[in-house]
Amino acid sequence: MRRSLTALAIAVLFAIAAGPAAADPTPNALTPLGPATVSSVWRGASTQEGLPPQDLTAVRIAVGAGGQAGPVRLRVSSPLDPALGVELGPWTDLPADPGTYTFALPSPILWDYRSGVIAIDQQVGGHAIVVANPCMPQLGAFSDICQVVSLDVFHDIADSDPARGTANSPGERYPGQQLAVTAVTVPDLDRDHIPDDQDQTDLQVSASRRFNLVGQQVLRIVVVNAGPRTADQPLIGINSLVTADDAWFPSCVSSESFEFPGIRLPGGAVPGDSCGTKPIPVGLPRVFTVVLPAKSDRKSVTVAVRSEGADLNPADNVVKVAPAKLLELERVSVHGTLNVKVRARRRGTLRVTMKVGRRSFSRSVRVIGLGPLTVRVPFHLRGRRAHAATITIRLQTYDGAIASATKRIHL
């Protein structure tokens, strides 16, 4: 029984607060006659989970049978948007014919159904826009709808000055009654009063990989915003190779990942692999550096970027970056001996081999530093004719990785 009462209380809360999940209620009562401001007031429990950031852009009003027409306007307030104060809609004729009518707000207002208030100013009254719920006192103070919700009526309509709002004490209170209104909301993840489907940017990403002086692979990411709006909540993700927050330099704005509803980062990005960062203005490149773990040495990395709105060109939001070279053959010269300049990115054993026809000459050395290394290989060939030679370098690192490179020369 207790579970059913809790479910009833939550369902009523959604209806009172005009949450997006609530269906249009069916009006079966009238507002009082005459000029007034009418508002549903909730005094019961409130849920804690909330919804993603959104804007209230309009209100749907359900009109039942038996009422009369007349001018009305919306009076909306939200503690999430204190700078806006009370948002007043224009005076509009509310029809007497049953149906659901949508009234737009002059500007979007940051909205949470648990704390926002939707009231209606009327001049004539007698509108069939009220739902009268039956009282159930046997359910107790926290579940009897007549004890947690009421229709409050203020007979002195507040003027158009938003600072004045509505009167503190209602002239009339009708327990168990509520306005038949439903909020019309749109996602607004960055809370800039621009719906996400209009908050468009064109983010472009490029990336490269290199080794640092201590042998770690470093991923350098460059993000450019080509416009037309600032990307207020950019998110950069890489596929599942980085799991430590301190792998990002500079640090992310937040260690948490932004989960955009309906948006999935390509490349298998997971929460531990993403970085929420500061806004990226139009035309200003932003550089990020990620130290990759050793397990990514021989794997490609996918980098993806998104922001709070739809991207105008998603094709340049993703880039795949091949591994940096573990071993490079930089220069080969012959001055009595074979001189091979290499650059190894890991410590290990390096073997340099020169093969001329069926003959081969080689030398193995230990790589203990990560800078350039020149290996000299003595050789002797009979005769003075020109020879073609194949130079092969092969590195076996102490952690088991193997890398090689080959070059063809003429002696």
Protein backbone atom coordinates (compact mmCIF):
# COMPACT_ATOMS: atom_id res chain seq x y z
CA MET A 1 0.00 0.00 0.00
CA ARG A 2 2.81 2.39 0.86
CA ARG A 3 4.41 1.91 -2.55
CA SER A 4 1.12 2.76 -4.32
CA LEU A 5 0.76 5.96 -2.28
CA THR A 6 4.29 7.03 -3.20
CA ALA A 7 3.57 6.38 -6.89
CA LEU A 8 0.40 8.47 -6.63
CA ALA A 9 2.28 11.35 -5.02
CA ILE A 10 4.93 11.34 -7.75
CA ALA A 11 2.29 11.19 -10.49
CA VAL A 12 0.49 14.16 -8.98
CA LEU A 13 3.76 16.08 -8.72
CA PHE A 14 4.37 15.64 -12.45
CA ALA A 15 0.87 16.91 -13.23
CA ILE A 16 1.11 19.91 -10.92
CA ALA A 17 4.52 21.00 -12.10
CA ALA A 18 3.59 20.51 -15.76
CA GLY A 19 6.55 18.24 -16.33
CA PRO A 20 7.28 17.03 -19.86
CA ALA A 21 6.17 13.49 -19.09
CA ALA A 22 2.69 14.53 -17.97
CA ALA A 23 -0.27 14.08 -20.29
CA ASP A 24 -2.75 16.91 -20.73
CA PRO A 25 -5.22 16.63 -17.82
CA THR A 26 -8.98 16.81 -18.47
CA PRO A 27 -10.53 19.99 -17.04
CA ASN A 28 -13.76 19.55 -15.12
CA ALA A 29 -14.00 22.84 -13.19
CA LEU A 30 -13.90 26.58 -13.84
CA THR A 31 -11.66 29.38 -12.66
CA PRO A 32 -13.36 32.05 -10.50
CA LEU A 33 -15.04 34.89 -12.33
CA GLY A 34 -13.38 38.27 -12.70
CA PRO A 35 -9.81 39.52 -12.96
CA ALA A 36 -7.40 37.25 -11.13
CA THR A 37 -4.12 35.37 -11.21
CA VAL A 38 -4.57 31.61 -10.76
CA SER A 39 -1.77 29.19 -9.99
CA SER A 40 -1.33 25.55 -8.96
CA VAL A 41 0.70 25.18 -5.77
CA TRP A 42 2.42 21.97 -4.69
CA ARG A 43 3.20 21.40 -1.01
CA GLY A 44 4.14 17.74 -1.04
CA ALA A 45 7.38 15.83 -1.54
CA SER A 46 9.70 16.44 -4.46
CA THR A 47 11.81 14.02 -6.45
CA GLN A 48 15.57 14.52 -6.56
CA GLU A 49 16.69 13.13 -9.91
CA GLY A 50 15.69 16.10 -12.04
CA LEU A 51 16.05 16.32 -15.82
CA PRO A 52 18.81 17.48 -18.19
CA PRO A 53 18.97 21.29 -18.53
CA GLN A 54 16.10 22.61 -20.61
CA ASP A 55 14.20 25.76 -21.56
CA LEU A 56 10.49 26.38 -21.19
CA THR A 57 9.35 27.84 -24.51
CA ALA A 58 5.56 27.50 -24.36
CA VAL A 59 2.66 26.20 -22.30
CA ARG A 60 -0.19 23.98 -23.46
CA ILE A 61 -3.55 24.77 -21.87
CA ALA A 62 -6.31 22.15 -22.02
CA VAL A 63 -9.81 23.65 -22.21
CA GLY A 64 -12.81 21.61 -21.14
CA ALA A 65 -16.50 22.02 -21.83
CA GLY A 66 -18.78 24.54 -20.18
CA GLY A 67 -16.40 27.47 -19.78
CA GLN A 68 -16.27 30.86 -21.40
CA ALA A 69 -13.75 32.63 -23.58
CA GLY A 70 -11.65 35.58 -22.51
CA PRO A 71 -8.21 37.19 -22.50
CA VAL A 72 -5.45 35.37 -20.60
CA ARG A 73 -1.69 35.60 -20.37
CA LEU A 74 1.02 33.37 -18.96
CA ARG A 75 2.91 34.32 -15.79
CA VAL A 76 5.95 32.08 -15.42
CA SER A 77 8.79 32.16 -12.92
CA SER A 78 11.80 29.91 -12.38
CA PRO A 79 14.47 30.10 -9.65
CA LEU A 80 16.94 28.77 -12.23
CA ASP A 81 16.56 32.03 -14.14
CA PRO A 82 16.54 34.75 -11.44
CA ALA A 83 17.78 37.45 -13.82
CA LEU A 84 14.64 37.02 -15.91
CA GLY A 85 12.34 37.41 -12.92
CA VAL A 86 8.72 36.76 -13.86
CA GLU A 87 8.14 36.10 -17.55
CA LEU A 88 4.84 37.52 -18.79
CA GLY A 89 3.29 36.35 -22.04
CA PRO A 90 1.10 38.59 -24.21
CA TRP A 91 -2.63 38.84 -23.60
CA THR A 92 -4.31 36.28 -25.85
CA ASP A 93 -7.94 35.23 -26.21
CA LEU A 94 -8.52 31.79 -24.73
CA PRO A 95 -11.32 30.04 -26.69
CA ALA A 96 -14.32 28.47 -24.97
CA ASP A 97 -14.29 25.52 -27.39
CA PRO A 98 -12.80 22.38 -25.82
CA GLY A 99 -9.31 21.54 -27.01
CA THR A 100 -5.64 22.04 -26.24
CA TYR A 101 -4.10 25.41 -27.09
CA THR A 102 -0.42 26.34 -27.10
CA PHE A 103 0.81 29.71 -25.85
CA ALA A 104 4.42 30.69 -26.54
CA LEU A 105 6.60 32.64 -24.13
CA PRO A 106 8.29 35.83 -25.38
CA SER A 107 11.69 34.28 -24.60
CA PRO A 108 12.86 30.88 -23.31
CA ILE A 109 13.27 30.49 -19.56
CA LEU A 110 15.53 27.97 -17.80
CA TRP A 111 13.19 25.34 -16.42
CA ASP A 112 12.90 22.61 -13.82
CA TYR A 113 9.41 21.22 -13.31
CA ARG A 114 10.05 20.79 -9.56
CA SER A 115 10.62 24.47 -8.82
CA GLY A 116 9.12 26.42 -11.73
CA VAL A 117 5.69 28.03 -11.42
CA ILE A 118 3.16 28.44 -14.24
CA ALA A 119 0.34 30.85 -13.42
CA ILE A 120 -2.35 32.39 -15.62
CA ASP A 121 -3.67 35.94 -15.51
CA GLN A 122 -7.32 36.30 -16.53
CA GLN A 123 -9.64 39.24 -17.08
CA VAL A 124 -13.03 37.56 -17.42
CA GLY A 125 -12.58 34.20 -15.69
CA GLY A 126 -14.92 31.25 -15.76
CA HIS A 127 -12.47 29.30 -17.96
CA ALA A 128 -12.75 25.52 -18.06
CA ILE A 129 -9.06 24.95 -17.42
CA VAL A 130 -9.15 23.46 -13.90
CA VAL A 131 -8.91 19.84 -12.82
CA ALA A 132 -10.75 19.15 -9.55
CA ASN A 133 -9.34 16.01 -7.94
CA PRO A 134 -11.36 14.08 -5.33
CA CYS A 135 -10.09 14.38 -1.77
CA MET A 136 -8.89 11.20 -0.07
CA PRO A 137 -8.19 12.14 3.58
CA GLN A 138 -7.86 8.49 4.52
CA LEU A 139 -4.51 8.44 2.67
CA GLY A 140 -2.93 10.84 5.13
CA ALA A 141 -1.32 14.27 4.96
CA PHE A 142 1.40 13.33 2.46
CA SER A 143 -0.74 11.40 -0.03
CA ASP A 144 -4.14 13.08 0.06
CA ILE A 145 -4.05 15.29 -3.01
CA CYS A 146 -6.23 17.88 -1.33
CA GLN A 147 -3.56 18.35 1.33
CA VAL A 148 -0.60 18.68 -1.03
CA VAL A 149 -1.99 20.70 -3.95
CA SER A 150 -4.32 23.62 -4.33
CA LEU A 151 -5.46 26.22 -6.81
CA ASP A 152 -4.52 29.62 -5.39
CA VAL A 153 -6.39 32.66 -6.66
CA PHE A 154 -5.03 36.22 -6.41
CA HIS A 155 -7.76 38.74 -7.24
CA ASP A 156 -5.39 41.67 -7.76
CA ILE A 157 -3.66 40.89 -11.06
CA ALA A 158 -0.04 41.96 -10.81
CA ASP A 159 0.84 44.59 -13.39
CA SER A 160 3.45 44.10 -16.13
CA ASP A 161 6.36 44.97 -13.83
CA PRO A 162 8.15 41.58 -13.39
CA ALA A 163 9.73 42.74 -10.14
CA ARG A 164 6.36 42.86 -8.40
CA GLY A 165 5.33 39.31 -9.26
CA THR A 166 2.12 38.10 -7.63
CA ALA A 167 0.64 38.82 -4.21
CA ASN A 168 2.05 36.87 -1.26
CA SER A 169 -1.30 35.67 0.09
CA PRO A 170 -4.03 34.29 -2.20
CA GLY A 171 -7.57 35.63 -1.91
CA GLU A 172 -8.95 32.13 -2.36
CA ARG A 173 -7.58 28.62 -2.11
CA TYR A 174 -9.20 25.51 -3.60
CA PRO A 175 -7.65 22.29 -2.21
CA GLY A 176 -7.19 19.46 -4.69
CA GLN A 177 -7.58 21.66 -7.76
CA GLN A 178 -4.91 22.35 -10.36
CA LEU A 179 -4.52 24.11 -13.67
CA ALA A 180 -4.72 21.91 -16.77
CA VAL A 181 -1.38 23.10 -18.12
CA THR A 182 1.60 21.26 -19.58
CA ALA A 183 5.08 22.68 -20.07
CA VAL A 184 6.63 22.67 -23.54
CA THR A 185 10.39 22.36 -23.14
CA VAL A 186 13.46 21.94 -25.33
CA PRO A 187 16.97 20.72 -24.34
CA ASP A 188 19.47 23.44 -23.50
CA LEU A 189 22.57 21.74 -22.15
CA ASP A 190 24.68 24.88 -21.85
CA ARG A 191 21.81 26.99 -20.43
CA ASP A 192 22.31 29.80 -22.92
CA HIS A 193 18.59 30.12 -23.82
CA ILE A 194 19.32 28.71 -27.29
CA PRO A 195 17.75 25.26 -27.84
CA ASP A 196 20.30 22.59 -28.64
CA ASP A 197 18.82 21.95 -32.08
CA GLN A 198 19.59 25.60 -32.92
CA ASP A 199 22.86 25.88 -30.98
CA GLN A 200 24.93 24.77 -33.95
CA THR A 201 28.70 24.80 -34.34
CA ASP A 202 31.22 23.35 -36.78
CA LEU A 203 33.97 21.75 -34.73
CA GLN A 204 36.97 20.39 -36.62
CA VAL A 205 39.59 18.08 -35.13
CA SER A 206 43.07 17.05 -36.18
CA ALA A 207 45.60 15.00 -34.25
CA SER A 208 49.15 13.66 -34.40
CA ARG A 209 51.30 11.34 -32.32
CA ARG A 210 54.93 11.54 -31.25
CA PHE A 211 57.27 10.24 -28.56
CA ASN A 212 58.41 12.45 -25.71
CA LEU A 213 61.88 12.44 -24.15
CA VAL A 214 61.02 9.64 -21.73
CA GLY A 215 59.65 7.30 -24.38
CA GLN A 216 55.93 7.90 -23.92
CA GLN A 217 53.62 8.34 -26.89
CA VAL A 218 51.94 11.72 -26.80
CA LEU A 219 48.73 12.50 -28.67
CA ARG A 220 48.40 16.15 -29.72
CA ILE A 221 44.82 17.19 -30.50
CA VAL A 222 43.88 20.47 -32.18
CA VAL A 223 40.22 21.54 -32.14
CA VAL A 224 38.98 24.49 -34.20
CA ASN A 225 35.48 25.94 -34.08
CA ALA A 226 34.50 27.16 -37.56
CA GLY A 227 31.28 28.69 -36.21
CA PRO A 228 28.74 30.10 -36.26
CA ARG A 229 28.36 29.93 -32.44
CA THR A 230 30.68 29.39 -29.51
CA ALA A 231 30.90 25.76 -28.44
CA ASP A 232 29.97 26.19 -24.78
CA GLN A 233 30.34 22.58 -23.64
CA PRO A 234 32.87 20.89 -25.92
CA LEU A 235 33.66 17.26 -25.24
CA ILE A 236 36.75 15.52 -26.58
CA GLY A 237 36.83 11.73 -26.51
CA ILE A 238 39.32 9.08 -27.52
CA ASN A 239 38.75 5.36 -27.79
CA SER A 240 39.46 3.09 -24.86
CA LEU A 241 43.18 3.58 -24.41
CA VAL A 242 43.30 6.22 -21.68
CA THR A 243 41.56 5.71 -18.37
CA ALA A 244 43.40 8.03 -15.97
CA ASP A 245 42.20 11.62 -15.63
CA ASP A 246 45.77 12.84 -15.11
CA ALA A 247 46.70 11.63 -18.61
CA TRP A 248 45.33 14.91 -20.00
CA PHE A 249 47.56 17.97 -20.09
CA PRO A 250 46.32 20.54 -19.32
CA SER A 251 43.75 18.98 -17.01
CA CYS A 252 40.15 18.77 -18.06
CA VAL A 253 37.71 21.29 -16.67
CA SER A 254 35.91 18.42 -14.98
CA SER A 255 36.77 14.80 -14.39
CA GLU A 256 33.20 13.82 -15.18
CA SER A 257 32.02 13.16 -18.72
CA PHE A 258 29.16 15.04 -20.29
CA GLU A 259 26.58 12.54 -21.46
CA PHE A 260 24.62 14.23 -24.24
CA PRO A 261 21.17 12.65 -24.75
CA GLY A 262 20.99 11.09 -28.19
CA ILE A 263 24.64 11.87 -28.93
CA ARG A 264 27.26 9.13 -28.92
CA LEU A 265 30.93 9.78 -29.46
CA PRO A 266 32.33 7.72 -32.34
CA GLY A 267 35.33 5.50 -31.79
CA GLY A 268 34.06 3.75 -28.69
CA ALA A 269 34.74 6.63 -26.31
CA VAL A 270 33.89 5.81 -22.70
CA PRO A 271 33.57 8.10 -19.64
CA GLY A 272 37.18 7.59 -18.57
CA ASP A 273 38.43 8.64 -22.00
CA SER A 274 36.71 11.99 -22.42
CA CYS A 275 37.48 15.54 -21.42
CA GLY A 276 34.98 18.33 -20.89
CA THR A 277 36.77 21.61 -21.48
CA LYS A 278 36.27 25.36 -21.54
CA PRO A 279 34.13 27.01 -24.27
CA ILE A 280 35.78 27.22 -27.68
CA PRO A 281 35.05 30.54 -29.45
CA VAL A 282 34.73 30.78 -33.21
CA GLY A 283 38.09 30.73 -34.99
CA LEU A 284 40.22 30.10 -31.89
CA PRO A 285 42.20 26.80 -32.03
CA ARG A 286 42.44 24.84 -28.79
CA VAL A 287 45.30 22.35 -28.26
CA PHE A 288 45.10 19.31 -25.97
CA THR A 289 47.84 16.84 -25.12
CA VAL A 290 47.24 13.28 -23.98
CA VAL A 291 49.93 10.90 -22.76
CA LEU A 292 49.04 7.46 -24.08
CA PRO A 293 49.76 4.23 -22.20
CA ALA A 294 52.28 1.75 -23.60
CA LYS A 295 49.50 -0.59 -24.74
CA SER A 296 48.57 1.90 -27.46
CA ASP A 297 52.02 1.91 -29.11
CA ARG A 298 50.97 -0.30 -32.01
CA LYS A 299 47.29 0.66 -32.21
CA SER A 300 45.50 3.46 -33.98
CA VAL A 301 43.63 5.98 -31.84
CA THR A 302 40.27 7.51 -32.75
CA VAL A 303 39.59 11.07 -31.58
CA ALA A 304 36.10 12.58 -31.64
CA VAL A 305 34.74 16.00 -30.65
CA ARG A 306 31.19 17.15 -29.96
CA SER A 307 29.46 20.06 -28.33
CA GLU A 308 26.01 20.70 -26.91
CA GLY A 309 24.26 21.29 -30.24
CA ALA A 310 24.15 19.66 -33.65
CA ASP A 311 27.37 19.96 -35.66
CA LEU A 312 27.04 21.41 -39.16
CA ASN A 313 29.61 18.99 -40.59
CA PRO A 314 29.98 15.83 -38.48
CA ALA A 315 32.43 14.34 -40.99
CA ASP A 316 35.32 16.41 -39.59
CA ASN A 317 34.47 15.61 -35.96
CA VAL A 318 36.41 12.33 -36.02
CA VAL A 319 40.00 11.53 -36.91
CA LYS A 320 41.96 8.28 -36.74
CA VAL A 321 45.63 8.59 -35.83
CA ALA A 322 48.20 5.88 -36.64
CA PRO A 323 50.86 4.96 -34.07
CA ALA A 324 54.05 6.99 -33.96
CA LYS A 325 57.12 5.15 -35.25
CA LEU A 326 58.98 3.23 -32.57
CA LEU A 327 62.11 3.07 -34.73
CA GLU A 328 63.27 5.40 -37.50
CA LEU A 329 66.15 5.06 -39.93
CA GLU A 330 67.31 8.64 -40.40
CA ARG A 331 70.51 8.47 -42.47
CA VAL A 332 72.89 5.98 -44.09
CA SER A 333 76.45 6.80 -45.20
CA VAL A 334 79.49 4.75 -46.21
CA HIS A 335 83.00 5.91 -45.34
CA GLY A 336 85.05 2.75 -45.12
CA THR A 337 82.40 1.45 -42.76
CA LEU A 338 78.62 1.53 -42.89
CA ASN A 339 77.27 4.36 -40.71
CA VAL A 340 73.58 4.11 -39.88
CA LYS A 341 71.87 6.85 -37.85
CA VAL A 342 68.73 5.62 -36.12
CA ARG A 343 66.29 6.97 -33.58
CA ALA A 344 64.78 4.45 -31.17
CA ARG A 345 61.88 5.35 -28.83
CA ARG A 346 62.31 2.46 -26.40
CA ARG A 347 65.29 0.88 -24.68
CA GLY A 348 66.27 -2.55 -25.93
CA THR A 349 68.56 -4.35 -28.40
CA LEU A 350 69.15 -2.88 -31.83
CA ARG A 351 70.54 -4.97 -34.70
CA VAL A 352 71.78 -3.36 -37.92
CA THR A 353 72.27 -5.64 -40.93
CA MET A 354 73.62 -4.90 -44.40
CA LYS A 355 73.00 -7.56 -47.02
CA VAL A 356 74.92 -7.50 -50.29
CA GLY A 357 74.03 -10.39 -52.56
CA ARG A 358 74.53 -13.49 -50.45
CA ARG A 359 76.81 -11.81 -47.98
CA SER A 360 75.63 -9.99 -44.86
CA PHE A 361 77.30 -7.82 -42.25
CA SER A 362 75.66 -6.97 -38.97
CA ARG A 363 76.16 -5.50 -35.55
CA SER A 364 74.03 -5.50 -32.41
CA VAL A 365 74.09 -2.73 -29.79
CA ARG A 366 72.16 -1.93 -26.65
CA VAL A 367 69.91 1.11 -26.77
CA ILE A 368 70.10 2.81 -23.38
CA GLY A 369 69.15 6.36 -24.38
CA LEU A 370 66.27 7.71 -26.42
CA GLY A 371 68.16 10.20 -28.57
CA PRO A 372 69.70 9.61 -32.02
CA LEU A 373 72.20 6.77 -32.25
CA THR A 374 74.79 6.04 -34.94
CA VAL A 375 75.79 2.41 -35.46
CA ARG A 376 78.97 1.62 -37.39
CA VAL A 377 79.12 -1.72 -39.22
CA PRO A 378 82.53 -2.77 -40.69
CA PHE A 379 82.39 -4.61 -44.01
CA HIS A 380 84.70 -5.68 -46.83
CA LEU A 381 83.78 -6.42 -50.44
CA ARG A 382 86.08 -7.77 -53.16
CA GLY A 383 86.51 -5.77 -56.31
CA ARG A 384 85.57 -2.21 -57.12
CA ARG A 385 82.30 -2.67 -58.95
CA ALA A 386 79.10 -1.08 -57.69
CA HIS A 387 76.98 -3.09 -55.33
CA ALA A 388 73.36 -2.80 -54.25
CA ALA A 389 72.77 -3.30 -50.53
CA THR A 390 69.76 -3.66 -48.29
CA ILE A 391 70.02 -2.06 -44.86
CA THR A 392 67.72 -3.47 -42.17
CA ILE A 393 67.38 -2.20 -38.62
CA ARG A 394 65.47 -4.19 -36.01
CA LEU A 395 64.71 -3.17 -32.43
CA GLN A 396 63.50 -5.56 -29.75
CA THR A 397 62.50 -3.54 -26.70
CA TYR A 398 62.75 -4.72 -23.13
CA ASP A 399 58.96 -4.75 -22.87
CA GLY A 400 58.68 -7.16 -25.82
CA ALA A 401 57.81 -4.81 -28.70
CA ILE A 402 59.53 -5.34 -32.05
CA ALA A 403 60.02 -2.68 -34.72
CA SER A 404 62.01 -2.67 -37.96
CA ALA A 405 62.80 -0.51 -40.98
CA THR A 406 64.52 -1.19 -44.31
CA LYS A 407 66.35 0.94 -46.85
CA ARG A 408 67.95 0.11 -50.23
CA ILE A 409 71.28 1.82 -51.08
CA HIS A 410 74.07 1.62 -53.67
CA LEU A 411 77.69 1.23 -52.54
